[in-house]
Amino acid sequence: GRLSLTVYDLLGRPVRTLIDGPMRAGYHNLTWRGNDDDGRSVGSGLYFIEMRASQWRQIRKVMLLK
């Protein structure tokens, strides 16, 4: 089904959309290298990752260390 995976800063602004489209069921690995949607490096700190799939939604905190 359709999957959306987005990184947000502490103010809730979207920083990077990692996935937005169809994805097959199963386990997947993904690496965020600390860049925004324009390819600029973002600072170390706390970020939120939001994953959406159909009616399901989950948000996790992540710490980016450079």
N, C-alpha and C. Protein backbone atom coordinates (compact mmCIF):
# COMPACT_ATOMS: atom_id res chain seq x y z
N GLY A 1 0.80 -1.19 0.00
CA GLY A 1 0.00 0.00 0.00
C GLY A 1 0.84 1.25 0.00
N ARG A 2 0.18 2.37 0.12
CA ARG A 2 0.86 3.66 0.10
C ARG A 2 1.49 3.94 1.47
N LEU A 3 2.73 4.42 1.44
CA LEU A 3 3.48 4.72 2.65
C LEU A 3 4.05 6.13 2.56
N SER A 4 4.00 6.84 3.67
CA SER A 4 4.60 8.17 3.77
C SER A 4 5.50 8.20 4.98
N LEU A 5 6.73 8.66 4.81
CA LEU A 5 7.69 8.75 5.89
C LEU A 5 8.33 10.14 5.81
N THR A 6 8.06 10.98 6.82
CA THR A 6 8.49 12.38 6.78
C THR A 6 9.23 12.74 8.06
N VAL A 7 10.30 13.53 7.92
CA VAL A 7 11.08 14.03 9.05
C VAL A 7 10.62 15.46 9.34
N TYR A 8 10.38 15.76 10.63
CA TYR A 8 9.97 17.10 11.06
C TYR A 8 10.96 17.64 12.10
N ASP A 9 11.10 18.97 12.14
CA ASP A 9 11.91 19.58 13.19
C ASP A 9 11.07 19.75 14.45
N LEU A 10 11.64 20.32 15.49
CA LEU A 10 10.95 20.46 16.77
C LEU A 10 9.74 21.40 16.70
N LEU A 11 9.71 22.28 15.70
CA LEU A 11 8.58 23.19 15.54
C LEU A 11 7.48 22.59 14.67
N GLY A 12 7.67 21.34 14.22
CA GLY A 12 6.67 20.67 13.41
C GLY A 12 6.74 20.97 11.94
N ARG A 13 7.82 21.63 11.51
CA ARG A 13 7.99 21.93 10.08
C ARG A 13 8.61 20.72 9.37
N PRO A 14 8.07 20.36 8.20
CA PRO A 14 8.67 19.24 7.47
C PRO A 14 10.09 19.58 7.02
N VAL A 15 10.99 18.65 7.24
CA VAL A 15 12.39 18.82 6.86
C VAL A 15 12.70 17.99 5.62
N ARG A 16 12.26 16.74 5.64
CA ARG A 16 12.58 15.83 4.53
C ARG A 16 11.50 14.78 4.38
N THR A 17 11.04 14.56 3.17
CA THR A 17 10.14 13.46 2.87
C THR A 17 11.00 12.32 2.34
N LEU A 18 11.06 11.24 3.09
CA LEU A 18 11.90 10.11 2.73
C LEU A 18 11.20 9.14 1.79
N ILE A 19 9.91 8.93 2.02
CA ILE A 19 9.10 8.03 1.19
C ILE A 19 7.72 8.64 1.07
N ASP A 20 7.17 8.60 -0.13
CA ASP A 20 5.78 9.01 -0.33
C ASP A 20 5.27 8.31 -1.58
N GLY A 21 4.78 7.10 -1.38
CA GLY A 21 4.29 6.34 -2.51
C GLY A 21 4.05 4.89 -2.14
N PRO A 22 3.78 4.08 -3.16
CA PRO A 22 3.48 2.67 -2.89
C PRO A 22 4.73 1.92 -2.40
N MET A 23 4.47 0.97 -1.50
CA MET A 23 5.55 0.17 -0.94
C MET A 23 5.03 -1.24 -0.69
N ARG A 24 5.80 -2.24 -1.04
CA ARG A 24 5.39 -3.62 -0.79
C ARG A 24 5.51 -3.95 0.69
N ALA A 25 4.70 -4.87 1.14
CA ALA A 25 4.75 -5.32 2.53
C ALA A 25 6.08 -6.00 2.82
N GLY A 26 6.51 -5.91 4.05
CA GLY A 26 7.75 -6.56 4.45
C GLY A 26 8.65 -5.60 5.21
N TYR A 27 9.86 -6.07 5.49
CA TYR A 27 10.84 -5.27 6.22
C TYR A 27 11.67 -4.47 5.23
N HIS A 28 11.95 -3.21 5.58
CA HIS A 28 12.74 -2.32 4.74
C HIS A 28 13.70 -1.54 5.62
N ASN A 29 14.85 -1.20 5.07
CA ASN A 29 15.83 -0.35 5.76
C ASN A 29 15.93 0.97 5.02
N LEU A 30 16.10 2.04 5.77
CA LEU A 30 16.20 3.36 5.18
C LEU A 30 17.18 4.17 6.00
N THR A 31 18.04 4.93 5.33
CA THR A 31 19.00 5.78 6.01
C THR A 31 18.73 7.22 5.65
N TRP A 32 18.59 8.07 6.68
CA TRP A 32 18.49 9.51 6.46
C TRP A 32 19.85 10.09 6.78
N ARG A 33 20.46 10.76 5.84
CA ARG A 33 21.82 11.27 6.00
C ARG A 33 21.88 12.69 6.57
N GLY A 34 20.74 13.19 7.06
CA GLY A 34 20.75 14.51 7.70
C GLY A 34 20.64 15.66 6.73
N ASN A 35 20.00 15.43 5.58
CA ASN A 35 19.79 16.50 4.60
C ASN A 35 18.31 16.83 4.51
N ASP A 36 18.02 18.08 4.13
CA ASP A 36 16.62 18.45 3.92
C ASP A 36 16.22 18.12 2.49
N ASP A 37 15.00 18.50 2.10
CA ASP A 37 14.50 18.19 0.75
C ASP A 37 15.30 18.87 -0.35
N ASP A 38 16.02 19.96 -0.02
CA ASP A 38 16.84 20.67 -1.00
C ASP A 38 18.29 20.19 -1.01
N GLY A 39 18.60 19.18 -0.20
CA GLY A 39 19.95 18.62 -0.17
C GLY A 39 20.89 19.31 0.79
N ARG A 40 20.40 20.32 1.52
CA ARG A 40 21.24 21.02 2.49
C ARG A 40 21.34 20.22 3.78
N SER A 41 22.49 20.27 4.38
CA SER A 41 22.71 19.57 5.64
C SER A 41 21.96 20.28 6.77
N VAL A 42 21.29 19.51 7.62
CA VAL A 42 20.60 20.08 8.77
C VAL A 42 21.45 19.86 10.01
N GLY A 43 21.19 20.60 11.06
CA GLY A 43 21.99 20.53 12.28
C GLY A 43 21.68 19.31 13.13
N SER A 44 22.62 18.98 13.98
CA SER A 44 22.39 17.92 14.96
C SER A 44 21.26 18.33 15.88
N GLY A 45 20.54 17.35 16.38
CA GLY A 45 19.46 17.64 17.32
C GLY A 45 18.35 16.64 17.26
N LEU A 46 17.25 16.98 17.90
CA LEU A 46 16.09 16.12 17.99
C LEU A 46 15.14 16.38 16.82
N TYR A 47 14.66 15.30 16.20
CA TYR A 47 13.72 15.38 15.09
C TYR A 47 12.62 14.36 15.33
N PHE A 48 11.53 14.51 14.61
CA PHE A 48 10.42 13.57 14.67
C PHE A 48 10.27 12.90 13.32
N ILE A 49 10.01 11.60 13.32
CA ILE A 49 9.74 10.84 12.11
C ILE A 49 8.28 10.41 12.16
N GLU A 50 7.51 10.76 11.14
CA GLU A 50 6.12 10.35 11.07
C GLU A 50 5.96 9.34 9.93
N MET A 51 5.37 8.20 10.26
CA MET A 51 5.08 7.17 9.26
C MET A 51 3.57 7.02 9.16
N ARG A 52 3.07 7.06 7.92
CA ARG A 52 1.64 6.88 7.67
C ARG A 52 1.45 5.79 6.63
N ALA A 53 0.49 4.92 6.90
CA ALA A 53 0.11 3.87 5.97
C ALA A 53 -1.39 3.64 6.13
N SER A 54 -2.17 3.96 5.13
CA SER A 54 -3.63 3.86 5.19
C SER A 54 -4.15 4.64 6.39
N GLN A 55 -4.83 3.97 7.31
CA GLN A 55 -5.39 4.63 8.50
C GLN A 55 -4.42 4.63 9.68
N TRP A 56 -3.25 4.05 9.52
CA TRP A 56 -2.27 3.90 10.59
C TRP A 56 -1.29 5.06 10.57
N ARG A 57 -0.92 5.56 11.76
CA ARG A 57 0.03 6.67 11.87
C ARG A 57 0.87 6.47 13.13
N GLN A 58 2.18 6.70 13.01
CA GLN A 58 3.06 6.57 14.15
C GLN A 58 4.13 7.65 14.08
N ILE A 59 4.47 8.23 15.23
CA ILE A 59 5.50 9.26 15.31
C ILE A 59 6.54 8.82 16.32
N ARG A 60 7.81 8.96 15.94
CA ARG A 60 8.93 8.60 16.82
C ARG A 60 9.92 9.76 16.88
N LYS A 61 10.59 9.89 18.02
CA LYS A 61 11.67 10.86 18.16
C LYS A 61 12.96 10.21 17.71
N VAL A 62 13.81 10.99 17.04
CA VAL A 62 15.14 10.51 16.66
C VAL A 62 16.15 11.62 16.98
N MET A 63 17.36 11.21 17.32
CA MET A 63 18.43 12.15 17.58
C MET A 63 19.43 12.05 16.45
N LEU A 64 19.69 13.17 15.79
CA LEU A 64 20.67 13.22 14.71
C LEU A 64 21.97 13.77 15.29
N LEU A 65 23.03 12.97 15.19
CA LEU A 65 24.36 13.37 15.67
C LEU A 65 25.30 13.40 14.49
N LYS A 66 26.00 14.49 14.35
CA LYS A 66 26.97 14.61 13.25
C LYS A 66 28.35 14.81 13.79
